[in-house]
Amino acid sequence: MGKGPNHGWTSNKTTRKIKLADVDAVRSNNVTCTIIGICGGSGSGKSRLATDLAHELGDDTVSILPFDAYYKDLRHLSLEERGEVNFDHPDSLDAELYGHHLDGLANGLDVCIPVYDFTEHRRTDDLVILPAKDIVIAEGILLFAFPELLDRFDLRVFRDAPLDLRFSRRLDRDVVERGRTPENVREQFDSSVGPMHDQFVQPSAQHAHRVVDHSEELATVVVELATSIHTISV
């Protein structure tokens, strides 16, 4: 785990930061939560599934913990060196910190999650407080590729989609939200996104309790999953 300032904890009304080793939560809510893992390739629709599921369950009872906020901090590298990093490989993610935060939320502790700058390829100095709630939805491309995370999920869902659809969605997102050019998006998809999907993401579907195909009616799937989650939470 790195030693950057974004590993600290803060509060809503102050910028004072405390090292992770000194304190493990903003506060305890005395909540024991159910943790749902949603995984799938880039552009598969997993984030939409997570958001719609949260709405169905009740936004006031659900927190969403995105794995893509936990890319390792590369501020020690030059911008050119950061651009050479394979961000589609599991090694690019801080699974240790992510697991630590999942454990905190599971024990009713609010956590401070990093904010990642995808243009500069590094963490910012900002933190976002994620409150512990009855249900936590963890979502990310490589979520099921880490054996040490799997047992933390009460329900594991994999969102499956074909390559052409995933690329189309990735293209739209990266150009609009992450300042990439279409040529850069295509090059990255062909050189790393696609191969890493085949090597790590798609095989991790075997760990899912439920594989949701892109052709399934999303609203029906959301109701089905919400019903299952309510059963787990009882």
Protein backbone atom coordinates (compact mmCIF):
# COMPACT_ATOMS: atom_id res chain seq x y z
CA MET A 1 0.00 0.00 0.00
CA GLY A 2 1.36 3.38 -1.00
CA LYS A 3 2.10 6.27 1.29
CA GLY A 4 0.44 9.05 -0.73
CA PRO A 5 -1.76 11.56 1.10
CA ASN A 6 -4.89 10.05 -0.41
CA HIS A 7 -4.54 7.00 1.82
CA GLY A 8 -5.59 9.15 4.80
CA TRP A 9 -8.97 9.73 6.32
CA THR A 10 -10.80 13.02 6.49
CA SER A 11 -14.22 14.41 7.37
CA ASN A 12 -16.89 16.34 5.50
CA LYS A 13 -15.90 19.71 6.98
CA THR A 14 -12.12 19.61 7.21
CA THR A 15 -9.14 18.85 5.00
CA ARG A 16 -7.12 17.48 7.91
CA LYS A 17 -5.82 14.04 6.98
CA ILE A 18 -4.86 11.15 9.24
CA LYS A 19 -2.71 8.23 8.20
CA LEU A 20 -4.52 4.99 7.50
CA ALA A 21 -2.55 3.20 10.21
CA ASP A 22 -3.87 5.59 12.85
CA VAL A 23 -7.61 5.22 12.35
CA ASP A 24 -9.81 2.87 10.36
CA ALA A 25 -13.00 4.86 9.95
CA VAL A 26 -14.64 8.22 10.09
CA ARG A 27 -17.21 6.81 12.47
CA SER A 28 -19.07 3.61 13.23
CA ASN A 29 -22.74 3.36 12.33
CA ASN A 30 -23.17 -0.01 14.05
CA VAL A 31 -24.33 -1.42 10.72
CA THR A 32 -23.69 -4.96 9.53
CA CYS A 33 -24.18 -4.99 5.78
CA THR A 34 -24.72 -7.35 2.87
CA ILE A 35 -22.05 -7.02 0.16
CA ILE A 36 -22.90 -7.61 -3.49
CA GLY A 37 -20.18 -7.93 -6.15
CA ILE A 38 -20.93 -6.93 -9.74
CA CYS A 39 -18.24 -7.68 -12.31
CA GLY A 40 -17.99 -7.56 -16.10
CA GLY A 41 -15.90 -6.30 -18.95
CA SER A 42 -15.38 -2.64 -19.76
CA GLY A 43 -18.60 -1.41 -21.39
CA SER A 44 -20.59 -4.48 -20.38
CA GLY A 45 -23.20 -2.46 -18.49
CA LYS A 46 -22.15 -3.45 -14.98
CA SER A 47 -22.23 0.14 -13.68
CA ARG A 48 -25.76 0.62 -15.05
CA LEU A 49 -26.79 -2.64 -13.41
CA ALA A 50 -25.28 -1.51 -10.10
CA THR A 51 -27.04 1.86 -10.26
CA ASP A 52 -30.43 0.42 -11.24
CA LEU A 53 -30.14 -2.23 -8.54
CA ALA A 54 -29.38 0.43 -5.93
CA HIS A 55 -32.49 2.36 -7.01
CA GLU A 56 -34.61 -0.78 -6.75
CA LEU A 57 -33.28 -1.62 -3.29
CA GLY A 58 -33.59 1.99 -2.13
CA ASP A 59 -30.73 4.46 -2.54
CA ASP A 60 -30.86 5.36 1.13
CA THR A 61 -29.98 1.76 2.06
CA VAL A 62 -27.20 1.19 -0.51
CA SER A 63 -23.62 2.41 -1.00
CA ILE A 64 -21.73 1.69 -4.24
CA LEU A 65 -17.97 1.09 -3.99
CA PRO A 66 -16.34 1.36 -7.46
CA PHE A 67 -13.16 -0.65 -7.95
CA ASP A 68 -11.92 1.81 -10.59
CA ALA A 69 -11.33 4.39 -7.85
CA TYR A 70 -8.57 2.12 -6.54
CA TYR A 71 -5.96 2.23 -9.27
CA LYS A 72 -2.53 2.48 -7.70
CA ASP A 73 -1.12 5.95 -7.26
CA LEU A 74 1.53 6.57 -9.94
CA ARG A 75 2.54 10.11 -9.04
CA HIS A 76 6.12 8.90 -8.53
CA LEU A 77 6.32 8.23 -12.29
CA SER A 78 6.50 10.77 -15.10
CA LEU A 79 3.35 11.28 -17.15
CA GLU A 80 5.03 9.50 -20.04
CA GLU A 81 5.88 6.52 -17.82
CA ARG A 82 2.34 6.39 -16.47
CA GLY A 83 1.06 6.19 -20.02
CA GLU A 84 3.01 2.96 -20.50
CA VAL A 85 1.30 1.19 -17.58
CA ASN A 86 -1.18 -1.56 -18.43
CA PHE A 87 -4.24 -0.39 -16.51
CA ASP A 88 -6.21 -3.43 -17.64
CA HIS A 89 -3.99 -5.85 -15.71
CA PRO A 90 -4.85 -6.78 -12.09
CA ASP A 91 -1.47 -5.44 -10.95
CA SER A 92 -2.69 -1.89 -11.65
CA LEU A 93 -5.28 -2.05 -8.85
CA ASP A 94 -4.87 -1.67 -5.09
CA ALA A 95 -6.86 -4.73 -4.06
CA GLU A 96 -5.41 -4.57 -0.54
CA LEU A 97 -6.90 -1.16 0.16
CA TYR A 98 -10.15 -2.12 -1.54
CA GLY A 99 -10.47 -5.22 0.63
CA HIS A 100 -9.67 -3.15 3.70
CA HIS A 101 -12.49 -0.75 2.86
CA LEU A 102 -14.92 -3.58 2.14
CA ASP A 103 -14.15 -4.99 5.59
CA GLY A 104 -14.72 -1.60 7.16
CA LEU A 105 -18.09 -1.17 5.47
CA ALA A 106 -19.07 -4.72 6.43
CA ASN A 107 -18.48 -3.77 10.05
CA GLY A 108 -20.48 -0.55 9.90
CA LEU A 109 -17.56 1.82 9.34
CA ASP A 110 -17.70 4.76 6.95
CA VAL A 111 -14.67 4.78 4.65
CA CYS A 112 -12.80 7.43 2.66
CA ILE A 113 -12.25 6.30 -0.90
CA PRO A 114 -9.57 7.70 -3.25
CA VAL A 115 -10.38 9.94 -6.21
CA TYR A 116 -8.51 8.93 -9.37
CA ASP A 117 -7.59 11.31 -12.20
CA PHE A 118 -7.81 9.25 -15.40
CA THR A 119 -6.26 12.03 -17.48
CA GLU A 120 -3.13 12.32 -15.33
CA HIS A 121 -3.11 8.62 -14.38
CA ARG A 122 -2.76 9.28 -10.66
CA ARG A 123 -4.78 9.76 -7.50
CA THR A 124 -5.74 13.27 -6.53
CA ASP A 125 -5.43 14.64 -3.01
CA ASP A 126 -9.20 14.42 -2.56
CA LEU A 127 -11.14 11.75 -0.68
CA VAL A 128 -14.82 10.85 -0.81
CA ILE A 129 -16.60 9.60 2.30
CA LEU A 130 -18.68 6.53 1.58
CA PRO A 131 -21.13 5.80 4.39
CA ALA A 132 -21.75 2.29 5.67
CA LYS A 133 -25.28 1.20 4.82
CA ASP A 134 -27.31 -1.98 4.96
CA ILE A 135 -26.15 -3.01 1.48
CA VAL A 136 -22.87 -2.33 -0.32
CA ILE A 137 -22.57 -2.91 -4.07
CA ALA A 138 -18.97 -3.42 -5.13
CA GLU A 139 -18.48 -3.08 -8.88
CA GLY A 140 -15.50 -3.35 -11.16
CA ILE A 141 -13.98 -4.94 -14.24
CA LEU A 142 -11.46 -7.14 -12.41
CA LEU A 143 -13.43 -7.59 -9.21
CA PHE A 144 -13.58 -11.40 -9.43
CA ALA A 145 -9.97 -11.77 -10.60
CA PHE A 146 -8.71 -11.41 -7.00
CA PRO A 147 -9.24 -14.62 -5.00
CA GLU A 148 -8.81 -12.71 -1.73
CA LEU A 149 -11.89 -10.59 -2.50
CA LEU A 150 -14.31 -13.33 -3.56
CA ASP A 151 -15.34 -14.55 -0.10
CA ARG A 152 -16.29 -11.01 0.91
CA PHE A 153 -19.28 -11.02 -1.46
CA ASP A 154 -22.60 -12.49 -0.35
CA LEU A 155 -23.75 -12.50 -3.98
CA ARG A 156 -21.55 -12.36 -7.08
CA VAL A 157 -23.05 -11.19 -10.39
CA PHE A 158 -21.26 -11.11 -13.77
CA ARG A 159 -22.55 -8.88 -16.57
CA ASP A 160 -21.74 -10.40 -19.97
CA ALA A 161 -21.69 -8.54 -23.29
CA PRO A 162 -20.13 -9.11 -26.75
CA LEU A 163 -16.93 -7.39 -27.82
CA ASP A 164 -18.46 -4.96 -30.34
CA LEU A 165 -20.95 -3.63 -27.82
CA ARG A 166 -18.31 -3.28 -25.12
CA PHE A 167 -15.99 -1.36 -27.44
CA SER A 168 -18.74 1.00 -28.59
CA ARG A 169 -19.61 1.92 -25.00
CA ARG A 170 -15.94 2.22 -24.03
CA LEU A 171 -15.33 4.56 -26.94
CA ASP A 172 -18.18 6.86 -25.98
CA ARG A 173 -17.14 6.98 -22.32
CA ASP A 174 -13.40 7.50 -22.77
CA VAL A 175 -13.76 10.27 -25.34
CA VAL A 176 -16.39 12.21 -23.38
CA GLU A 177 -15.36 11.53 -19.75
CA ARG A 178 -11.62 10.81 -19.88
CA GLY A 179 -10.34 13.11 -22.62
CA ARG A 180 -9.09 10.37 -24.93
CA THR A 181 -9.06 10.44 -28.73
CA PRO A 182 -10.94 7.74 -30.69
CA GLU A 183 -7.61 6.53 -32.09
CA ASN A 184 -6.14 6.19 -28.60
CA VAL A 185 -9.21 4.31 -27.38
CA ARG A 186 -9.04 1.83 -30.28
CA GLU A 187 -5.30 1.30 -29.79
CA GLN A 188 -5.71 0.65 -26.07
CA PHE A 189 -8.66 -1.65 -26.61
CA ASP A 190 -6.78 -3.76 -29.14
CA SER A 191 -3.47 -3.84 -27.26
CA SER A 192 -4.59 -4.30 -23.65
CA VAL A 193 -8.34 -4.06 -22.92
CA GLY A 194 -9.28 -6.95 -25.21
CA PRO A 195 -6.40 -9.29 -24.33
CA MET A 196 -6.73 -8.64 -20.58
CA HIS A 197 -10.47 -9.23 -20.81
CA ASP A 198 -9.84 -12.62 -22.39
CA GLN A 199 -7.11 -13.50 -19.87
CA PHE A 200 -8.60 -12.23 -16.61
CA VAL A 201 -12.13 -10.83 -16.85
CA GLN A 202 -14.09 -13.40 -18.85
CA PRO A 203 -12.60 -16.40 -16.98
CA SER A 204 -13.63 -14.80 -13.67
CA ALA A 205 -17.29 -15.28 -14.67
CA GLN A 206 -16.92 -18.80 -13.31
CA HIS A 207 -17.00 -17.32 -9.80
CA ALA A 208 -20.39 -15.66 -10.30
CA HIS A 209 -23.57 -16.94 -8.71
CA ARG A 210 -25.48 -15.31 -11.57
CA VAL A 211 -24.32 -14.41 -15.09
CA VAL A 212 -26.48 -11.71 -16.65
CA ASP A 213 -26.39 -11.69 -20.44
CA HIS A 214 -26.68 -8.34 -22.24
CA SER A 215 -29.81 -9.59 -24.03
CA GLU A 216 -31.76 -10.04 -20.79
CA GLU A 217 -34.32 -7.40 -19.87
CA LEU A 218 -32.50 -5.26 -17.31
CA ALA A 219 -35.58 -4.29 -15.33
CA THR A 220 -36.52 -7.95 -14.87
CA VAL A 221 -32.98 -8.85 -13.80
CA VAL A 222 -32.90 -6.00 -11.28
CA VAL A 223 -36.13 -7.14 -9.62
CA GLU A 224 -34.84 -10.72 -9.51
CA LEU A 225 -31.56 -9.70 -7.90
CA ALA A 226 -33.26 -7.37 -5.42
CA THR A 227 -35.51 -10.21 -4.32
CA SER A 228 -32.49 -12.48 -3.80
CA ILE A 229 -30.66 -9.77 -1.86
CA HIS A 230 -33.62 -9.18 0.45
CA THR A 231 -33.59 -12.92 1.19
CA ILE A 232 -29.86 -12.81 2.00
CA SER A 233 -30.26 -9.74 4.18
CA VAL A 234 -33.00 -11.22 6.35
